[in-house]
Amino acid sequence: MADRPVRKQPESLRLRDIAPGFTVNDLQQSIVFYVDALGFSVHERWETDGELQGVMLRAGNCRIGLSQDDFAKGRDRPKGIGMSVWLTTIQDLGQVVARIKEAGVTLEQDLAEMPWGGRAFTVVDPDGFRITFTNEG
């Protein structure tokens, strides 16, 4: 049996998934954006007294959580500033862009070749969260 390499101590963090959560101003509007325009599906729903409070969205193995802002920190607080999420797919990005544009979404950055290879484009959700789609070519 081959010797396994000795792990660095303390061990570095090893994750299997990441699921960012966004607090949004209008949950229904955000669901429409992520499901109808981007292609996510609703995986889980959270309700309180019959009122929808949040959802967990899924696309492949990736998840994004959306929760309705209760506005306890103010209605005008900015969201999405200084944050972007990169999503990698093996799908044809031209087809993904066509779907998104067909849903009426304007791209912040159009589909372009990246210096490291592959292509990418960026959209901004209704609350200002930047979502960049990329592939490795």
C-alpha atoms as a PDB file:
ATOM      1  CA  MET A   1       0.000   0.000   0.000  1.00  0.00           C
ATOM      2  CA  ALA A   2       1.404   3.392  -0.993  1.00  0.00           C
ATOM      3  CA  ASP A   3       2.225   5.867   1.736  1.00  0.00           C
ATOM      4  CA  ARG A   4      -0.179   8.778   1.860  1.00  0.00           C
ATOM      5  CA  PRO A   5       1.318  12.234   2.113  1.00  0.00           C
ATOM      6  CA  VAL A   6       1.352  13.701   5.604  1.00  0.00           C
ATOM      7  CA  ARG A   7      -1.176  16.503   5.943  1.00  0.00           C
ATOM      8  CA  LYS A   8       0.005  19.907   7.055  1.00  0.00           C
ATOM      9  CA  GLN A   9      -0.819  20.556  10.709  1.00  0.00           C
ATOM     10  CA  PRO A  10      -3.035  22.150  11.568  1.00  0.00           C
ATOM     11  CA  GLU A  11      -4.952  20.977   8.532  1.00  0.00           C
ATOM     12  CA  SER A  12      -6.135  23.598   6.089  1.00  0.00           C
ATOM     13  CA  LEU A  13      -9.866  24.091   5.725  1.00  0.00           C
ATOM     14  CA  ARG A  14     -11.485  21.709   3.225  1.00  0.00           C
ATOM     15  CA  LEU A  15     -15.002  22.575   2.065  1.00  0.00           C
ATOM     16  CA  ARG A  16     -17.469  20.709  -0.136  1.00  0.00           C
ATOM     17  CA  ASP A  17     -19.935  23.506  -0.821  1.00  0.00           C
ATOM     18  CA  ILE A  18     -20.557  27.200  -0.360  1.00  0.00           C
ATOM     19  CA  ALA A  19     -23.965  28.834  -0.362  1.00  0.00           C
ATOM     20  CA  PRO A  20     -23.962  32.621  -0.109  1.00  0.00           C
ATOM     21  CA  GLY A  21     -27.086  34.161   1.372  1.00  0.00           C
ATOM     22  CA  PHE A  22     -28.472  37.487   0.185  1.00  0.00           C
ATOM     23  CA  THR A  23     -30.941  39.632   2.107  1.00  0.00           C
ATOM     24  CA  VAL A  24     -33.179  41.204  -0.530  1.00  0.00           C
ATOM     25  CA  ASN A  25     -35.673  44.064  -0.658  1.00  0.00           C
ATOM     26  CA  ASP A  26     -38.335  42.212  -2.645  1.00  0.00           C
ATOM     27  CA  LEU A  27     -38.139  38.432  -2.327  1.00  0.00           C
ATOM     28  CA  GLN A  28     -40.625  37.705  -5.125  1.00  0.00           C
ATOM     29  CA  GLN A  29     -38.777  40.005  -7.556  1.00  0.00           C
ATOM     30  CA  SER A  30     -35.478  38.318  -6.695  1.00  0.00           C
ATOM     31  CA  ILE A  31     -36.965  34.838  -7.151  1.00  0.00           C
ATOM     32  CA  VAL A  32     -38.170  35.829 -10.624  1.00  0.00           C
ATOM     33  CA  PHE A  33     -34.689  37.153 -11.474  1.00  0.00           C
ATOM     34  CA  TYR A  34     -32.802  34.087 -10.278  1.00  0.00           C
ATOM     35  CA  VAL A  35     -35.300  31.445 -11.477  1.00  0.00           C
ATOM     36  CA  ASP A  36     -36.793  32.871 -14.668  1.00  0.00           C
ATOM     37  CA  ALA A  37     -33.810  34.866 -15.945  1.00  0.00           C
ATOM     38  CA  LEU A  38     -30.761  33.011 -14.631  1.00  0.00           C
ATOM     39  CA  GLY A  39     -32.154  29.464 -14.517  1.00  0.00           C
ATOM     40  CA  PHE A  40     -31.925  28.510 -10.838  1.00  0.00           C
ATOM     41  CA  SER A  41     -34.668  26.393  -9.282  1.00  0.00           C
ATOM     42  CA  VAL A  42     -36.242  26.788  -5.850  1.00  0.00           C
ATOM     43  CA  HIS A  43     -34.856  23.984  -3.695  1.00  0.00           C
ATOM     44  CA  GLU A  44     -36.284  24.954  -0.288  1.00  0.00           C
ATOM     45  CA  ARG A  45     -38.798  27.526   0.994  1.00  0.00           C
ATOM     46  CA  TRP A  46     -39.020  29.062   4.467  1.00  0.00           C
ATOM     47  CA  GLU A  47     -42.298  30.464   5.723  1.00  0.00           C
ATOM     48  CA  THR A  48     -43.425  32.052   8.959  1.00  0.00           C
ATOM     49  CA  ASP A  49     -47.169  32.057   9.660  1.00  0.00           C
ATOM     50  CA  GLY A  50     -47.807  31.235   5.991  1.00  0.00           C
ATOM     51  CA  GLU A  51     -45.673  34.131   4.698  1.00  0.00           C
ATOM     52  CA  LEU A  52     -42.657  33.345   2.527  1.00  0.00           C
ATOM     53  CA  GLN A  53     -39.481  34.562   4.248  1.00  0.00           C
ATOM     54  CA  GLY A  54     -36.770  32.959   2.152  1.00  0.00           C
ATOM     55  CA  VAL A  55     -35.693  30.365  -0.358  1.00  0.00           C
ATOM     56  CA  MET A  56     -32.667  28.257  -1.125  1.00  0.00           C
ATOM     57  CA  LEU A  57     -32.014  28.220  -4.844  1.00  0.00           C
ATOM     58  CA  ARG A  58     -30.063  25.526  -6.656  1.00  0.00           C
ATOM     59  CA  ALA A  59     -28.310  25.258 -10.014  1.00  0.00           C
ATOM     60  CA  GLY A  60     -26.383  22.037 -10.362  1.00  0.00           C
ATOM     61  CA  ASN A  61     -24.453  21.579  -7.110  1.00  0.00           C
ATOM     62  CA  CYS A  62     -24.436  25.300  -6.327  1.00  0.00           C
ATOM     63  CA  ARG A  63     -26.828  27.136  -4.038  1.00  0.00           C
ATOM     64  CA  ILE A  64     -27.763  30.731  -3.256  1.00  0.00           C
ATOM     65  CA  GLY A  65     -30.042  31.677  -0.365  1.00  0.00           C
ATOM     66  CA  LEU A  66     -32.430  34.614  -0.575  1.00  0.00           C
ATOM     67  CA  SER A  67     -34.213  36.054   2.439  1.00  0.00           C
ATOM     68  CA  GLN A  68     -36.693  38.902   2.680  1.00  0.00           C
ATOM     69  CA  ASP A  69     -35.239  41.943   4.432  1.00  0.00           C
ATOM     70  CA  ASP A  70     -37.268  42.878   7.502  1.00  0.00           C
ATOM     71  CA  PHE A  71     -35.909  46.442   7.139  1.00  0.00           C
ATOM     72  CA  ALA A  72     -34.956  46.552  10.833  1.00  0.00           C
ATOM     73  CA  LYS A  73     -31.677  48.193   9.729  1.00  0.00           C
ATOM     74  CA  GLY A  74     -33.496  50.691   7.498  1.00  0.00           C
ATOM     75  CA  ARG A  75     -35.161  50.539   4.104  1.00  0.00           C
ATOM     76  CA  ASP A  76     -32.413  52.392   2.283  1.00  0.00           C
ATOM     77  CA  ARG A  77     -29.387  50.425   3.378  1.00  0.00           C
ATOM     78  CA  PRO A  78     -27.235  49.492   0.398  1.00  0.00           C
ATOM     79  CA  LYS A  79     -26.827  45.869  -0.569  1.00  0.00           C
ATOM     80  CA  GLY A  80     -24.356  44.102  -2.796  1.00  0.00           C
ATOM     81  CA  ILE A  81     -21.611  46.723  -2.500  1.00  0.00           C
ATOM     82  CA  GLY A  82     -18.121  45.299  -2.768  1.00  0.00           C
ATOM     83  CA  MET A  83     -19.362  41.781  -3.351  1.00  0.00           C
ATOM     84  CA  SER A  84     -19.547  39.554  -6.373  1.00  0.00           C
ATOM     85  CA  VAL A  85     -20.157  35.858  -6.842  1.00  0.00           C
ATOM     86  CA  TRP A  86     -18.445  33.881  -9.595  1.00  0.00           C
ATOM     87  CA  LEU A  87     -20.360  30.930 -11.050  1.00  0.00           C
ATOM     88  CA  THR A  88     -18.550  28.432 -13.276  1.00  0.00           C
ATOM     89  CA  THR A  89     -20.397  26.292 -15.802  1.00  0.00           C
ATOM     90  CA  ILE A  90     -19.508  23.945 -18.625  1.00  0.00           C
ATOM     91  CA  GLN A  91     -22.597  25.090 -20.531  1.00  0.00           C
ATOM     92  CA  ASP A  92     -22.302  27.250 -23.624  1.00  0.00           C
ATOM     93  CA  LEU A  93     -22.189  30.794 -22.234  1.00  0.00           C
ATOM     94  CA  GLY A  94     -23.625  32.168 -25.470  1.00  0.00           C
ATOM     95  CA  GLN A  95     -26.801  30.195 -24.818  1.00  0.00           C
ATOM     96  CA  VAL A  96     -26.865  31.282 -21.162  1.00  0.00           C
ATOM     97  CA  VAL A  97     -26.518  34.937 -22.236  1.00  0.00           C
ATOM     98  CA  ALA A  98     -29.314  34.519 -24.798  1.00  0.00           C
ATOM     99  CA  ARG A  99     -31.658  33.147 -22.101  1.00  0.00           C
ATOM    100  CA  ILE A 100     -30.848  36.001 -19.727  1.00  0.00           C
ATOM    101  CA  LYS A 101     -31.266  38.704 -22.386  1.00  0.00           C
ATOM    102  CA  GLU A 102     -34.531  37.079 -23.539  1.00  0.00           C
ATOM    103  CA  ALA A 103     -35.799  37.511 -19.959  1.00  0.00           C
ATOM    104  CA  GLY A 104     -35.140  41.254 -20.280  1.00  0.00           C
ATOM    105  CA  VAL A 105     -31.984  41.427 -18.160  1.00  0.00           C
ATOM    106  CA  THR A 106     -29.218  43.793 -19.260  1.00  0.00           C
ATOM    107  CA  LEU A 107     -25.684  42.531 -18.831  1.00  0.00           C
ATOM    108  CA  GLU A 108     -23.310  44.695 -16.815  1.00  0.00           C
ATOM    109  CA  GLN A 109     -20.379  43.178 -18.694  1.00  0.00           C
ATOM    110  CA  ASP A 110     -21.061  41.473 -22.006  1.00  0.00           C
ATOM    111  CA  LEU A 111     -19.695  38.049 -22.820  1.00  0.00           C
ATOM    112  CA  ALA A 112     -15.963  38.387 -23.434  1.00  0.00           C
ATOM    113  CA  GLU A 113     -12.807  36.302 -23.733  1.00  0.00           C
ATOM    114  CA  MET A 114     -10.811  36.351 -20.510  1.00  0.00           C
ATOM    115  CA  PRO A 115      -7.018  36.774 -20.354  1.00  0.00           C
ATOM    116  CA  TRP A 116      -6.655  33.409 -18.565  1.00  0.00           C
ATOM    117  CA  GLY A 117      -8.756  31.628 -21.198  1.00  0.00           C
ATOM    118  CA  GLY A 118     -12.432  30.885 -21.188  1.00  0.00           C
ATOM    119  CA  ARG A 119     -15.173  33.482 -21.308  1.00  0.00           C
ATOM    120  CA  ALA A 120     -17.236  35.423 -18.784  1.00  0.00           C
ATOM    121  CA  PHE A 121     -20.089  37.897 -18.413  1.00  0.00           C
ATOM    122  CA  THR A 122     -21.648  39.724 -15.482  1.00  0.00           C
ATOM    123  CA  VAL A 123     -25.200  40.596 -14.422  1.00  0.00           C
ATOM    124  CA  VAL A 124     -26.390  42.584 -11.424  1.00  0.00           C
ATOM    125  CA  ASP A 125     -29.391  41.334  -9.457  1.00  0.00           C
ATOM    126  CA  PRO A 126     -32.237  43.639  -8.333  1.00  0.00           C
ATOM    127  CA  ASP A 127     -30.383  44.458  -5.085  1.00  0.00           C
ATOM    128  CA  GLY A 128     -26.983  45.165  -6.601  1.00  0.00           C
ATOM    129  CA  PHE A 129     -25.285  41.796  -6.090  1.00  0.00           C
ATOM    130  CA  ARG A 130     -22.886  41.153  -8.995  1.00  0.00           C
ATOM    131  CA  ILE A 131     -23.036  37.667 -10.517  1.00  0.00           C
ATOM    132  CA  THR A 132     -20.284  36.687 -12.964  1.00  0.00           C
ATOM    133  CA  PHE A 133     -20.708  33.566 -15.073  1.00  0.00           C
ATOM    134  CA  THR A 134     -17.553  31.977 -16.410  1.00  0.00           C
ATOM    135  CA  ASN A 135     -16.293  28.855 -18.070  1.00  0.00           C
ATOM    136  CA  GLU A 136     -12.825  27.550 -18.609  1.00  0.00           C
ATOM    137  CA  GLY A 137     -13.029  27.384 -22.360  1.00  0.00           C
END
